Amino acid sequence: MNEIYIYIAEILKEPDTAIKQYNRIAEAIEKLDTFPNRIKIMDSEPERSWGLRQFRVDNYSVFYIIESKNVIVIRVLYSASDINKRLTENEF
């Protein structure tokens, strides 16, 4: 999320937009405290075997798993990027 903020604020020169986007993503992640299972596990492999779940916030995809009662956010990626490649580059 820091990389998203830095890119929007410094590269695109839009610091106000950067903080608003960061906050929208953070708020959506915080809502996972309530019934995180409402998002289904992804159908594709190996994501399914990892128990990976995905939801979108604006143009970003949030990927997370549930371990015990903990929600662990794995990545937040720009949805137009090659998500499959970026997910498998550095397995979690």
PDB file of N, CA and C in Angstrom:
ATOM      1  N   MET A   1       0.828  -1.187   0.000  1.00  0.00           N
ATOM      2  CA  MET A   1       0.000   0.000   0.000  1.00  0.00           C
ATOM      3  C   MET A   1       0.871   1.249   0.000  1.00  0.00           C
ATOM      4  N   ASN A   2       2.021   1.142   0.632  1.00  0.00           N
ATOM      5  CA  ASN A   2       2.933   2.291   0.608  1.00  0.00           C
ATOM      6  C   ASN A   2       3.396   2.600  -0.803  1.00  0.00           C
ATOM      7  N   GLU A   3       3.645   1.549  -1.580  1.00  0.00           N
ATOM      8  CA  GLU A   3       4.067   1.763  -2.969  1.00  0.00           C
ATOM      9  C   GLU A   3       2.969   2.445  -3.778  1.00  0.00           C
ATOM     10  N   ILE A   4       1.732   2.071  -3.534  1.00  0.00           N
ATOM     11  CA  ILE A   4       0.607   2.716  -4.215  1.00  0.00           C
ATOM     12  C   ILE A   4       0.563   4.188  -3.850  1.00  0.00           C
ATOM     13  N   TYR A   5       0.677   4.474  -2.572  1.00  0.00           N
ATOM     14  CA  TYR A   5       0.658   5.865  -2.116  1.00  0.00           C
ATOM     15  C   TYR A   5       1.797   6.658  -2.754  1.00  0.00           C
ATOM     16  N   ILE A   6       3.000   6.120  -2.699  1.00  0.00           N
ATOM     17  CA  ILE A   6       4.168   6.824  -3.247  1.00  0.00           C
ATOM     18  C   ILE A   6       4.007   7.066  -4.743  1.00  0.00           C
ATOM     19  N   TYR A   7       3.531   6.052  -5.459  1.00  0.00           N
ATOM     20  CA  TYR A   7       3.357   6.210  -6.901  1.00  0.00           C
ATOM     21  C   TYR A   7       2.379   7.338  -7.223  1.00  0.00           C
ATOM     22  N   ILE A   8       1.235   7.336  -6.567  1.00  0.00           N
ATOM     23  CA  ILE A   8       0.224   8.361  -6.854  1.00  0.00           C
ATOM     24  C   ILE A   8       0.701   9.735  -6.384  1.00  0.00           C
ATOM     25  N   ALA A   9       1.259   9.793  -5.190  1.00  0.00           N
ATOM     26  CA  ALA A   9       1.661  11.082  -4.610  1.00  0.00           C
ATOM     27  C   ALA A   9       2.881  11.674  -5.299  1.00  0.00           C
ATOM     28  N   GLU A  10       3.897  10.849  -5.544  1.00  0.00           N
ATOM     29  CA  GLU A  10       5.165  11.386  -6.031  1.00  0.00           C
ATOM     30  C   GLU A  10       5.339  11.285  -7.545  1.00  0.00           C
ATOM     31  N   ILE A  11       4.962  10.162  -8.119  1.00  0.00           N
ATOM     32  CA  ILE A  11       5.141   9.995  -9.567  1.00  0.00           C
ATOM     33  C   ILE A  11       4.045  10.749 -10.325  1.00  0.00           C
ATOM     34  N   LEU A  12       2.801  10.537  -9.883  1.00  0.00           N
ATOM     35  CA  LEU A  12       1.684  11.210 -10.547  1.00  0.00           C
ATOM     36  C   LEU A  12       1.448  12.626 -10.006  1.00  0.00           C
ATOM     37  N   LYS A  13       2.154  12.979  -8.934  1.00  0.00           N
ATOM     38  CA  LYS A  13       2.070  14.323  -8.326  1.00  0.00           C
ATOM     39  C   LYS A  13       0.646  14.651  -7.858  1.00  0.00           C
ATOM     40  N   GLU A  14      -0.008  13.659  -7.227  1.00  0.00           N
ATOM     41  CA  GLU A  14      -1.371  13.827  -6.730  1.00  0.00           C
ATOM     42  C   GLU A  14      -1.458  13.368  -5.275  1.00  0.00           C
ATOM     43  N   PRO A  15      -0.838  14.119  -4.338  1.00  0.00           N
ATOM     44  CA  PRO A  15      -0.832  13.667  -2.942  1.00  0.00           C
ATOM     45  C   PRO A  15      -2.223  13.572  -2.312  1.00  0.00           C
ATOM     46  N   ASP A  16      -3.142  14.461  -2.670  1.00  0.00           N
ATOM     47  CA  ASP A  16      -4.494  14.382  -2.111  1.00  0.00           C
ATOM     48  C   ASP A  16      -5.204  13.110  -2.589  1.00  0.00           C
ATOM     49  N   THR A  17      -5.062  12.812  -3.862  1.00  0.00           N
ATOM     50  CA  THR A  17      -5.651  11.591  -4.409  1.00  0.00           C
ATOM     51  C   THR A  17      -5.011  10.364  -3.766  1.00  0.00           C
ATOM     52  N   ALA A  18      -3.708  10.425  -3.538  1.00  0.00           N
ATOM     53  CA  ALA A  18      -2.986   9.299  -2.949  1.00  0.00           C
ATOM     54  C   ALA A  18      -3.523   8.959  -1.565  1.00  0.00           C
ATOM     55  N   ILE A  19      -3.710   9.939  -0.719  1.00  0.00           N
ATOM     56  CA  ILE A  19      -4.188   9.666   0.643  1.00  0.00           C
ATOM     57  C   ILE A  19      -5.632   9.183   0.619  1.00  0.00           C
ATOM     58  N   LYS A  20      -6.441   9.735  -0.278  1.00  0.00           N
ATOM     59  CA  LYS A  20      -7.836   9.286  -0.385  1.00  0.00           C
ATOM     60  C   LYS A  20      -7.899   7.833  -0.843  1.00  0.00           C
ATOM     61  N   GLN A  21      -7.077   7.470  -1.834  1.00  0.00           N
ATOM     62  CA  GLN A  21      -7.059   6.086  -2.313  1.00  0.00           C
ATOM     63  C   GLN A  21      -6.568   5.150  -1.221  1.00  0.00           C
ATOM     64  N   TYR A  22      -5.505   5.543  -0.559  1.00  0.00           N
ATOM     65  CA  TYR A  22      -4.960   4.737   0.534  1.00  0.00           C
ATOM     66  C   TYR A  22      -6.032   4.495   1.589  1.00  0.00           C
ATOM     67  N   ASN A  23      -6.742   5.537   1.965  1.00  0.00           N
ATOM     68  CA  ASN A  23      -7.775   5.422   2.999  1.00  0.00           C
ATOM     69  C   ASN A  23      -8.936   4.538   2.548  1.00  0.00           C
ATOM     70  N   ARG A  24      -9.348   4.635   1.280  1.00  0.00           N
ATOM     71  CA  ARG A  24     -10.433   3.781   0.790  1.00  0.00           C
ATOM     72  C   ARG A  24     -10.042   2.303   0.866  1.00  0.00           C
ATOM     73  N   ILE A  25      -8.818   2.005   0.478  1.00  0.00           N
ATOM     74  CA  ILE A  25      -8.352   0.617   0.534  1.00  0.00           C
ATOM     75  C   ILE A  25      -8.260   0.161   1.991  1.00  0.00           C
ATOM     76  N   ALA A  26      -7.683   0.992   2.842  1.00  0.00           N
ATOM     77  CA  ALA A  26      -7.537   0.633   4.253  1.00  0.00           C
ATOM     78  C   ALA A  26      -8.895   0.406   4.917  1.00  0.00           C
ATOM     79  N   GLU A  27      -9.862   1.241   4.619  1.00  0.00           N
ATOM     80  CA  GLU A  27     -11.201   1.079   5.191  1.00  0.00           C
ATOM     81  C   GLU A  27     -11.848  -0.216   4.727  1.00  0.00           C
ATOM     82  N   ALA A  28     -11.677  -0.563   3.468  1.00  0.00           N
ATOM     83  CA  ALA A  28     -12.238  -1.816   2.950  1.00  0.00           C
ATOM     84  C   ALA A  28     -11.585  -3.017   3.630  1.00  0.00           C
ATOM     85  N   ILE A  29     -10.290  -2.934   3.859  1.00  0.00           N
ATOM     86  CA  ILE A  29      -9.576  -4.019   4.549  1.00  0.00           C
ATOM     87  C   ILE A  29     -10.068  -4.134   5.984  1.00  0.00           C
ATOM     88  N   GLU A  30     -10.259  -3.019   6.653  1.00  0.00           N
ATOM     89  CA  GLU A  30     -10.740  -3.043   8.039  1.00  0.00           C
ATOM     90  C   GLU A  30     -12.115  -3.693   8.147  1.00  0.00           C
ATOM     91  N   LYS A  31     -12.937  -3.573   7.127  1.00  0.00           N
ATOM     92  CA  LYS A  31     -14.267  -4.184   7.144  1.00  0.00           C
ATOM     93  C   LYS A  31     -14.210  -5.705   7.112  1.00  0.00           C
ATOM     94  N   LEU A  32     -13.049  -6.264   6.799  1.00  0.00           N
ATOM     95  CA  LEU A  32     -12.900  -7.718   6.815  1.00  0.00           C
ATOM     96  C   LEU A  32     -12.987  -8.288   8.223  1.00  0.00           C
ATOM     97  N   ASP A  33     -12.904  -7.425   9.229  1.00  0.00           N
ATOM     98  CA  ASP A  33     -13.080  -7.878  10.618  1.00  0.00           C
ATOM     99  C   ASP A  33     -14.428  -8.549  10.808  1.00  0.00           C
ATOM    100  N   THR A  34     -15.414  -8.099  10.044  1.00  0.00           N
ATOM    101  CA  THR A  34     -16.754  -8.647  10.136  1.00  0.00           C
ATOM    102  C   THR A  34     -16.982  -9.605   8.976  1.00  0.00           C
ATOM    103  N   PHE A  35     -17.104 -10.866   9.281  1.00  0.00           N
ATOM    104  CA  PHE A  35     -17.406 -11.917   8.316  1.00  0.00           C
ATOM    105  C   PHE A  35     -16.476 -11.910   7.099  1.00  0.00           C
ATOM    106  N   PRO A  36     -15.189 -12.180   7.314  1.00  0.00           N
ATOM    107  CA  PRO A  36     -14.239 -12.191   6.184  1.00  0.00           C
ATOM    108  C   PRO A  36     -14.509 -13.314   5.189  1.00  0.00           C
ATOM    109  N   ASN A  37     -15.276 -14.315   5.598  1.00  0.00           N
ATOM    110  CA  ASN A  37     -15.599 -15.434   4.706  1.00  0.00           C
ATOM    111  C   ASN A  37     -16.613 -15.073   3.630  1.00  0.00           C
ATOM    112  N   ARG A  38     -17.143 -13.851   3.666  1.00  0.00           N
ATOM    113  CA  ARG A  38     -18.142 -13.455   2.664  1.00  0.00           C
ATOM    114  C   ARG A  38     -17.545 -13.404   1.263  1.00  0.00           C
ATOM    115  N   ILE A  39     -16.240 -13.267   1.170  1.00  0.00           N
ATOM    116  CA  ILE A  39     -15.547 -13.307  -0.116  1.00  0.00           C
ATOM    117  C   ILE A  39     -15.099 -14.749  -0.341  1.00  0.00           C
ATOM    118  N   LYS A  40     -15.475 -15.327  -1.470  1.00  0.00           N
ATOM    119  CA  LYS A  40     -15.144 -16.735  -1.706  1.00  0.00           C
ATOM    120  C   LYS A  40     -13.674 -16.899  -2.090  1.00  0.00           C
ATOM    121  N   ILE A  41     -13.187 -18.093  -1.858  1.00  0.00           N
ATOM    122  CA  ILE A  41     -11.829 -18.450  -2.259  1.00  0.00           C
ATOM    123  C   ILE A  41     -11.777 -18.464  -3.784  1.00  0.00           C
ATOM    124  N   MET A  42     -10.671 -17.997  -4.329  1.00  0.00           N
ATOM    125  CA  MET A  42     -10.503 -17.934  -5.779  1.00  0.00           C
ATOM    126  C   MET A  42     -10.597 -19.334  -6.391  1.00  0.00           C
ATOM    127  N   ASP A  43     -11.106 -19.410  -7.612  1.00  0.00           N
ATOM    128  CA  ASP A  43     -11.282 -20.695  -8.303  1.00  0.00           C
ATOM    129  C   ASP A  43     -10.003 -21.206  -8.957  1.00  0.00           C
ATOM    130  N   SER A  44      -9.117 -20.305  -9.325  1.00  0.00           N
ATOM    131  CA  SER A  44      -7.902 -20.699 -10.054  1.00  0.00           C
ATOM    132  C   SER A  44      -6.884 -21.341  -9.110  1.00  0.00           C
ATOM    133  N   GLU A  45      -6.018 -22.145  -9.713  1.00  0.00           N
ATOM    134  CA  GLU A  45      -4.915 -22.757  -8.965  1.00  0.00           C
ATOM    135  C   GLU A  45      -3.623 -22.049  -9.335  1.00  0.00           C
ATOM    136  N   PRO A  46      -2.727 -21.849  -8.418  1.00  0.00           N
ATOM    137  CA  PRO A  46      -2.648 -22.411  -7.069  1.00  0.00           C
ATOM    138  C   PRO A  46      -3.368 -21.576  -6.006  1.00  0.00           C
ATOM    139  N   GLU A  47      -4.005 -20.489  -6.414  1.00  0.00           N
ATOM    140  CA  GLU A  47      -4.652 -19.593  -5.455  1.00  0.00           C
ATOM    141  C   GLU A  47      -5.680 -20.318  -4.591  1.00  0.00           C
ATOM    142  N   ARG A  48      -6.448 -21.231  -5.200  1.00  0.00           N
ATOM    143  CA  ARG A  48      -7.462 -21.971  -4.457  1.00  0.00           C
ATOM    144  C   ARG A  48      -6.822 -22.794  -3.334  1.00  0.00           C
ATOM    145  N   SER A  49      -5.735 -23.496  -3.660  1.00  0.00           N
ATOM    146  CA  SER A  49      -5.082 -24.325  -2.635  1.00  0.00           C
ATOM    147  C   SER A  49      -4.444 -23.475  -1.536  1.00  0.00           C
ATOM    148  N   TRP A  50      -4.124 -22.235  -1.847  1.00  0.00           N
ATOM    149  CA  TRP A  50      -3.585 -21.328  -0.836  1.00  0.00           C
ATOM    150  C   TRP A  50      -4.687 -20.756   0.061  1.00  0.00           C
ATOM    151  N   GLY A  51      -5.952 -20.869  -0.381  1.00  0.00           N
ATOM    152  CA  GLY A  51      -7.059 -20.259   0.356  1.00  0.00           C
ATOM    153  C   GLY A  51      -7.151 -18.765   0.114  1.00  0.00           C
ATOM    154  N   LEU A  52      -6.648 -18.332  -1.031  1.00  0.00           N
ATOM    155  CA  LEU A  52      -6.566 -16.905  -1.345  1.00  0.00           C
ATOM    156  C   LEU A  52      -7.928 -16.351  -1.766  1.00  0.00           C
ATOM    157  N   ARG A  53      -8.259 -15.203  -1.237  1.00  0.00           N
ATOM    158  CA  ARG A  53      -9.501 -14.505  -1.559  1.00  0.00           C
ATOM    159  C   ARG A  53      -9.146 -13.159  -2.170  1.00  0.00           C
ATOM    160  N   GLN A  54     -10.032 -12.633  -3.030  1.00  0.00           N
ATOM    161  CA  GLN A  54      -9.761 -11.379  -3.731  1.00  0.00           C
ATOM    162  C   GLN A  54     -11.018 -10.528  -3.773  1.00  0.00           C
ATOM    163  N   PHE A  55     -10.837  -9.234  -3.521  1.00  0.00           N
ATOM    164  CA  PHE A  55     -11.908  -8.276  -3.767  1.00  0.00           C
ATOM    165  C   PHE A  55     -11.301  -6.989  -4.290  1.00  0.00           C
ATOM    166  N   ARG A  56     -12.142  -6.198  -4.940  1.00  0.00           N
ATOM    167  CA  ARG A  56     -11.658  -4.963  -5.565  1.00  0.00           C
ATOM    168  C   ARG A  56     -12.078  -3.744  -4.780  1.00  0.00           C
ATOM    169  N   VAL A  57     -11.189  -2.772  -4.792  1.00  0.00           N
ATOM    170  CA  VAL A  57     -11.455  -1.433  -4.283  1.00  0.00           C
ATOM    171  C   VAL A  57     -10.995  -0.490  -5.384  1.00  0.00           C
ATOM    172  N   ASP A  58     -11.940   0.148  -6.036  1.00  0.00           N
ATOM    173  CA  ASP A  58     -11.630   0.997  -7.185  1.00  0.00           C
ATOM    174  C   ASP A  58     -10.859   0.168  -8.211  1.00  0.00           C
ATOM    175  N   ASN A  59      -9.663   0.596  -8.582  1.00  0.00           N
ATOM    176  CA  ASN A  59      -8.862  -0.118  -9.584  1.00  0.00           C
ATOM    177  C   ASN A  59      -7.819  -1.044  -8.964  1.00  0.00           C
ATOM    178  N   TYR A  60      -8.002  -1.406  -7.715  1.00  0.00           N
ATOM    179  CA  TYR A  60      -7.032  -2.234  -6.998  1.00  0.00           C
ATOM    180  C   TYR A  60      -7.680  -3.516  -6.517  1.00  0.00           C
ATOM    181  N   SER A  61      -6.906  -4.586  -6.507  1.00  0.00           N
ATOM    182  CA  SER A  61      -7.362  -5.876  -5.995  1.00  0.00           C
ATOM    183  C   SER A  61      -6.638  -6.163  -4.695  1.00  0.00           C
ATOM    184  N   VAL A  62      -7.418  -6.533  -3.684  1.00  0.00           N
ATOM    185  CA  VAL A  62      -6.874  -6.894  -2.376  1.00  0.00           C
ATOM    186  C   VAL A  62      -6.939  -8.413  -2.277  1.00  0.00           C
ATOM    187  N   PHE A  63      -5.817  -9.039  -1.940  1.00  0.00           N
ATOM    188  CA  PHE A  63      -5.722 -10.486  -1.801  1.00  0.00           C
ATOM    189  C   PHE A  63      -5.425 -10.806  -0.345  1.00  0.00           C
ATOM    190  N   TYR A  64      -6.192 -11.755   0.198  1.00  0.00           N
ATOM    191  CA  TYR A  64      -5.982 -12.105   1.590  1.00  0.00           C
ATOM    192  C   TYR A  64      -6.307 -13.572   1.839  1.00  0.00           C
ATOM    193  N   ILE A  65      -5.803 -14.064   2.974  1.00  0.00           N
ATOM    194  CA  ILE A  65      -6.123 -15.410   3.440  1.00  0.00           C
ATOM    195  C   ILE A  65      -6.641 -15.283   4.870  1.00  0.00           C
ATOM    196  N   ILE A  66      -7.288 -16.344   5.314  1.00  0.00           N
ATOM    197  CA  ILE A  66      -7.761 -16.402   6.694  1.00  0.00           C
ATOM    198  C   ILE A  66      -7.032 -17.555   7.366  1.00  0.00           C
ATOM    199  N   GLU A  67      -6.314 -17.255   8.444  1.00  0.00           N
ATOM    200  CA  GLU A  67      -5.624 -18.271   9.226  1.00  0.00           C
ATOM    201  C   GLU A  67      -6.157 -18.181  10.644  1.00  0.00           C
ATOM    202  N   SER A  68      -6.734 -19.277  11.113  1.00  0.00           N
ATOM    203  CA  SER A  68      -7.439 -19.290  12.398  1.00  0.00           C
ATOM    204  C   SER A  68      -8.511 -18.217  12.335  1.00  0.00           C
ATOM    205  N   LYS A  69      -8.405 -17.219  13.170  1.00  0.00           N
ATOM    206  CA  LYS A  69      -9.386 -16.128  13.133  1.00  0.00           C
ATOM    207  C   LYS A  69      -8.756 -14.838  12.631  1.00  0.00           C
ATOM    208  N   ASN A  70      -7.574 -14.957  12.041  1.00  0.00           N
ATOM    209  CA  ASN A  70      -6.842 -13.786  11.572  1.00  0.00           C
ATOM    210  C   ASN A  70      -6.957 -13.615  10.064  1.00  0.00           C
ATOM    211  N   VAL A  71      -7.180 -12.391   9.644  1.00  0.00           N
ATOM    212  CA  VAL A  71      -7.166 -12.039   8.234  1.00  0.00           C
ATOM    213  C   VAL A  71      -5.770 -11.515   7.924  1.00  0.00           C
ATOM    214  N   ILE A  72      -5.148 -12.113   6.928  1.00  0.00           N
ATOM    215  CA  ILE A  72      -3.797 -11.707   6.545  1.00  0.00           C
ATOM    216  C   ILE A  72      -3.847 -11.205   5.103  1.00  0.00           C
ATOM    217  N   VAL A  73      -3.604  -9.915   4.929  1.00  0.00           N
ATOM    218  CA  VAL A  73      -3.575  -9.328   3.592  1.00  0.00           C
ATOM    219  C   VAL A  73      -2.225  -9.661   2.980  1.00  0.00           C
ATOM    220  N   ILE A  74      -2.285 -10.332   1.837  1.00  0.00           N
ATOM    221  CA  ILE A  74      -1.068 -10.777   1.154  1.00  0.00           C
ATOM    222  C   ILE A  74      -0.536  -9.693   0.231  1.00  0.00           C
ATOM    223  N   ARG A  75      -1.422  -9.143  -0.574  1.00  0.00           N
ATOM    224  CA  ARG A  75      -1.019  -8.120  -1.536  1.00  0.00           C
ATOM    225  C   ARG A  75      -2.184  -7.211  -1.863  1.00  0.00           C
ATOM    226  N   VAL A  76      -1.839  -6.005  -2.275  1.00  0.00           N
ATOM    227  CA  VAL A  76      -2.785  -5.075  -2.887  1.00  0.00           C
ATOM    228  C   VAL A  76      -2.141  -4.687  -4.212  1.00  0.00           C
ATOM    229  N   LEU A  77      -2.804  -5.036  -5.314  1.00  0.00           N
ATOM    230  CA  LEU A  77      -2.222  -4.829  -6.639  1.00  0.00           C
ATOM    231  C   LEU A  77      -3.151  -4.012  -7.524  1.00  0.00           C
ATOM    232  N   TYR A  78      -2.541  -3.251  -8.404  1.00  0.00           N
ATOM    233  CA  TYR A  78      -3.308  -2.527  -9.414  1.00  0.00           C
ATOM    234  C   TYR A  78      -3.955  -3.560 -10.324  1.00  0.00           C
ATOM    235  N   SER A  79      -5.242  -3.483 -10.504  1.00  0.00           N
ATOM    236  CA  SER A  79      -5.995  -4.521 -11.213  1.00  0.00           C
ATOM    237  C   SER A  79      -5.623  -4.667 -12.681  1.00  0.00           C
ATOM    238  N   ALA A  80      -5.086  -3.626 -13.298  1.00  0.00           N
ATOM    239  CA  ALA A  80      -4.714  -3.706 -14.712  1.00  0.00           C
ATOM    240  C   ALA A  80      -3.346  -4.358 -14.913  1.00  0.00           C
ATOM    241  N   SER A  81      -2.636  -4.636 -13.827  1.00  0.00           N
ATOM    242  CA  SER A  81      -1.327  -5.281 -13.965  1.00  0.00           C
ATOM    243  C   SER A  81      -1.524  -6.781 -14.186  1.00  0.00           C
ATOM    244  N   ASP A  82      -0.455  -7.481 -14.488  1.00  0.00           N
ATOM    245  CA  ASP A  82      -0.511  -8.929 -14.675  1.00  0.00           C
ATOM    246  C   ASP A  82      -0.557  -9.581 -13.294  1.00  0.00           C
ATOM    247  N   ILE A  83      -1.761  -9.694 -12.772  1.00  0.00           N
ATOM    248  CA  ILE A  83      -1.946 -10.158 -11.399  1.00  0.00           C
ATOM    249  C   ILE A  83      -1.434 -11.584 -11.213  1.00  0.00           C
ATOM    250  N   ASN A  84      -1.745 -12.470 -12.129  1.00  0.00           N
ATOM    251  CA  ASN A  84      -1.289 -13.856 -11.981  1.00  0.00           C
ATOM    252  C   ASN A  84       0.221 -13.938 -11.874  1.00  0.00           C
ATOM    253  N   LYS A  85       0.910 -13.214 -12.727  1.00  0.00           N
ATOM    254  CA  LYS A  85       2.380 -13.214 -12.689  1.00  0.00           C
ATOM    255  C   LYS A  85       2.877 -12.629 -11.371  1.00  0.00           C
ATOM    256  N   ARG A  86       2.289 -11.524 -10.947  1.00  0.00           N
ATOM    257  CA  ARG A  86       2.758 -10.863  -9.727  1.00  0.00           C
ATOM    258  C   ARG A  86       2.459 -11.681  -8.482  1.00  0.00           C
ATOM    259  N   LEU A  87       1.388 -12.443  -8.486  1.00  0.00           N
ATOM    260  CA  LEU A  87       1.084 -13.293  -7.333  1.00  0.00           C
ATOM    261  C   LEU A  87       2.064 -14.449  -7.213  1.00  0.00           C
ATOM    262  N   THR A  88       2.499 -14.999  -8.338  1.00  0.00           N
ATOM    263  CA  THR A  88       3.370 -16.167  -8.286  1.00  0.00           C
ATOM    264  C   THR A  88       4.855 -15.809  -8.284  1.00  0.00           C
ATOM    265  N   GLU A  89       5.202 -14.559  -8.537  1.00  0.00           N
ATOM    266  CA  GLU A  89       6.616 -14.147  -8.519  1.00  0.00           C
ATOM    267  C   GLU A  89       7.232 -14.416  -7.161  1.00  0.00           C
ATOM    268  N   ASN A  90       6.561 -13.998  -6.127  1.00  0.00           N
ATOM    269  CA  ASN A  90       7.047 -14.151  -4.759  1.00  0.00           C
ATOM    270  C   ASN A  90       5.961 -14.819  -3.953  1.00  0.00           C
ATOM    271  N   GLU A  91       5.981 -16.151  -3.946  1.00  0.00           N
ATOM    272  CA  GLU A  91       4.959 -16.861  -3.196  1.00  0.00           C
ATOM    273  C   GLU A  91       4.985 -16.427  -1.755  1.00  0.00           C
ATOM    274  N   PHE A  92       3.835 -16.426  -1.150  1.00  0.00           N
ATOM    275  CA  PHE A  92       3.756 -16.016   0.250  1.00  0.00           C
ATOM    276  C   PHE A  92       3.759 -17.258   1.069  1.00  0.00           C
TER     277      PHE A  92
END
